[in-house]
C-alpha cells in the first residue's frame, strides 16, 4: 500500500510500446480447475532493432484454451511499459 500503484495488464496492452519476443519458456500456474489461470512467460524481447535483446518475465491471466496454444520457441507480439520493466503478451482475445 505504501509503494507505487501496480501496472494493470489491460493498461500495458492498451498503451504499451509494441515489441517482438521469442518464448523461452511458458508455464501455467494454479489448478487445472482455473478457467483463467495465470501464465508465466519468460521472453527474449527485441524492442528496438538497434538494441540488444533482453529477457523479461511476464505473468498474466489467460483463458485455459488460449494458454495451451503458446509454445517455447514461438514468436509473439507483446506490449512493454516505457521503462521496459513490465510487459504483456498479445493474444486473439485482445483488441
Protein backbone atom coordinates (compact mmCIF):
# COMPACT_ATOMS: atom_id res chain seq x y z
CA UNK A 1 0.00 0.00 0.00
CA UNK A 2 2.95 2.33 0.51
CA UNK A 3 4.53 1.55 -2.87
CA UNK A 4 3.54 2.64 -6.35
CA UNK A 5 0.25 1.52 -7.85
CA UNK A 6 0.65 -1.79 -9.74
CA UNK A 7 0.51 -1.67 -13.52
CA UNK A 8 -2.53 -3.48 -14.92
CA UNK A 9 -2.09 -5.87 -17.84
CA UNK A 10 -5.00 -4.18 -19.60
CA UNK A 11 -3.18 -0.82 -19.38
CA UNK A 12 0.01 -2.29 -20.83
CA UNK A 13 -1.94 -3.91 -23.68
CA UNK A 14 -3.81 -0.66 -24.42
CA UNK A 15 -0.95 1.83 -24.11
CA UNK A 16 2.29 -0.15 -24.17
CA UNK A 17 5.04 0.07 -26.75
CA UNK A 18 4.93 -2.73 -29.35
CA UNK A 19 7.77 -5.25 -29.45
CA UNK A 20 8.51 -8.75 -30.67
CA UNK A 21 9.57 -11.61 -28.44
CA UNK A 22 10.50 -15.27 -28.55
CA UNK A 23 9.06 -17.54 -25.87
CA UNK A 24 11.91 -19.09 -23.89
CA UNK A 25 9.52 -20.87 -21.52
CA UNK A 26 5.82 -20.90 -20.75
CA UNK A 27 4.14 -22.40 -17.71
CA UNK A 28 0.56 -22.39 -16.48
CA UNK A 29 0.29 -21.67 -12.76
CA UNK A 30 -2.50 -22.80 -10.45
CA UNK A 31 -5.02 -25.60 -10.57
CA UNK A 32 -6.39 -27.39 -13.61
CA UNK A 33 -9.82 -26.14 -12.46
CA UNK A 34 -8.89 -22.48 -13.04
CA UNK A 35 -10.81 -21.13 -16.03
CA UNK A 36 -8.36 -18.21 -16.41
CA UNK A 37 -5.06 -19.41 -14.95
CA UNK A 38 -2.04 -17.22 -14.52
CA UNK A 39 0.59 -17.98 -17.17
CA UNK A 40 4.29 -17.29 -16.67
CA UNK A 41 6.21 -16.44 -19.83
CA UNK A 42 9.97 -15.99 -19.98
CA UNK A 43 10.60 -14.00 -23.14
CA UNK A 44 13.56 -12.85 -25.19
CA UNK A 45 12.42 -9.37 -26.20
CA UNK A 46 13.54 -7.34 -29.20
CA UNK A 47 12.15 -3.89 -28.52
CA UNK A 48 14.29 -1.98 -31.00
CA UNK A 49 16.45 -3.37 -33.82
CA UNK A 50 19.40 -1.27 -32.59
CA UNK A 51 19.22 -2.59 -29.00
CA UNK A 52 20.36 -5.91 -27.58
CA UNK A 53 17.55 -8.39 -26.91
CA UNK A 54 16.75 -8.84 -23.21
CA UNK A 55 14.91 -11.38 -21.08
CA UNK A 56 11.63 -10.44 -19.46
CA UNK A 57 9.29 -12.46 -17.25
CA UNK A 58 5.60 -11.79 -17.82
CA UNK A 59 2.81 -13.26 -15.70
CA UNK A 60 -0.72 -12.70 -16.92
CA UNK A 61 -4.13 -14.32 -16.80
CA UNK A 62 -5.32 -16.09 -19.96
CA UNK A 63 -8.23 -18.40 -20.73
CA UNK A 64 -7.10 -22.02 -20.31
CA UNK A 65 -7.63 -22.83 -24.01
CA UNK A 66 -5.55 -19.85 -25.07
CA UNK A 67 -2.76 -20.63 -22.61
CA UNK A 68 -2.30 -24.07 -24.18
CA UNK A 69 -1.65 -22.52 -27.60
CA UNK A 70 1.67 -20.90 -26.64
CA UNK A 71 4.84 -22.95 -27.17
CA UNK A 72 8.52 -22.50 -26.41
CA UNK A 73 10.39 -21.11 -29.41
CA UNK A 74 7.40 -19.31 -30.90
CA UNK A 75 7.43 -15.61 -31.74
CA UNK A 76 4.79 -13.41 -30.13
CA UNK A 77 3.79 -9.78 -30.18
CA UNK A 78 3.98 -8.01 -26.85
CA UNK A 79 3.48 -4.56 -25.38
CA UNK A 80 6.00 -3.00 -22.98
CA UNK A 81 5.94 -0.25 -20.40
CA UNK A 82 8.14 2.73 -21.40
CA UNK A 83 10.87 1.64 -18.96
CA UNK A 84 10.67 -1.95 -20.31
CA UNK A 85 10.27 -3.36 -16.80
CA UNK A 86 6.88 -4.96 -17.50
CA UNK A 87 5.05 -6.37 -20.48
CA UNK A 88 2.00 -8.25 -21.68
CA UNK A 89 1.58 -10.87 -24.42
CA UNK A 90 -0.97 -10.14 -27.14
CA UNK A 91 -3.45 -12.89 -27.96
CA UNK A 92 -6.54 -13.26 -30.15
CA UNK A 93 -8.99 -12.07 -27.49
CA UNK A 94 -7.37 -8.65 -27.20
CA UNK A 95 -8.40 -5.67 -29.30
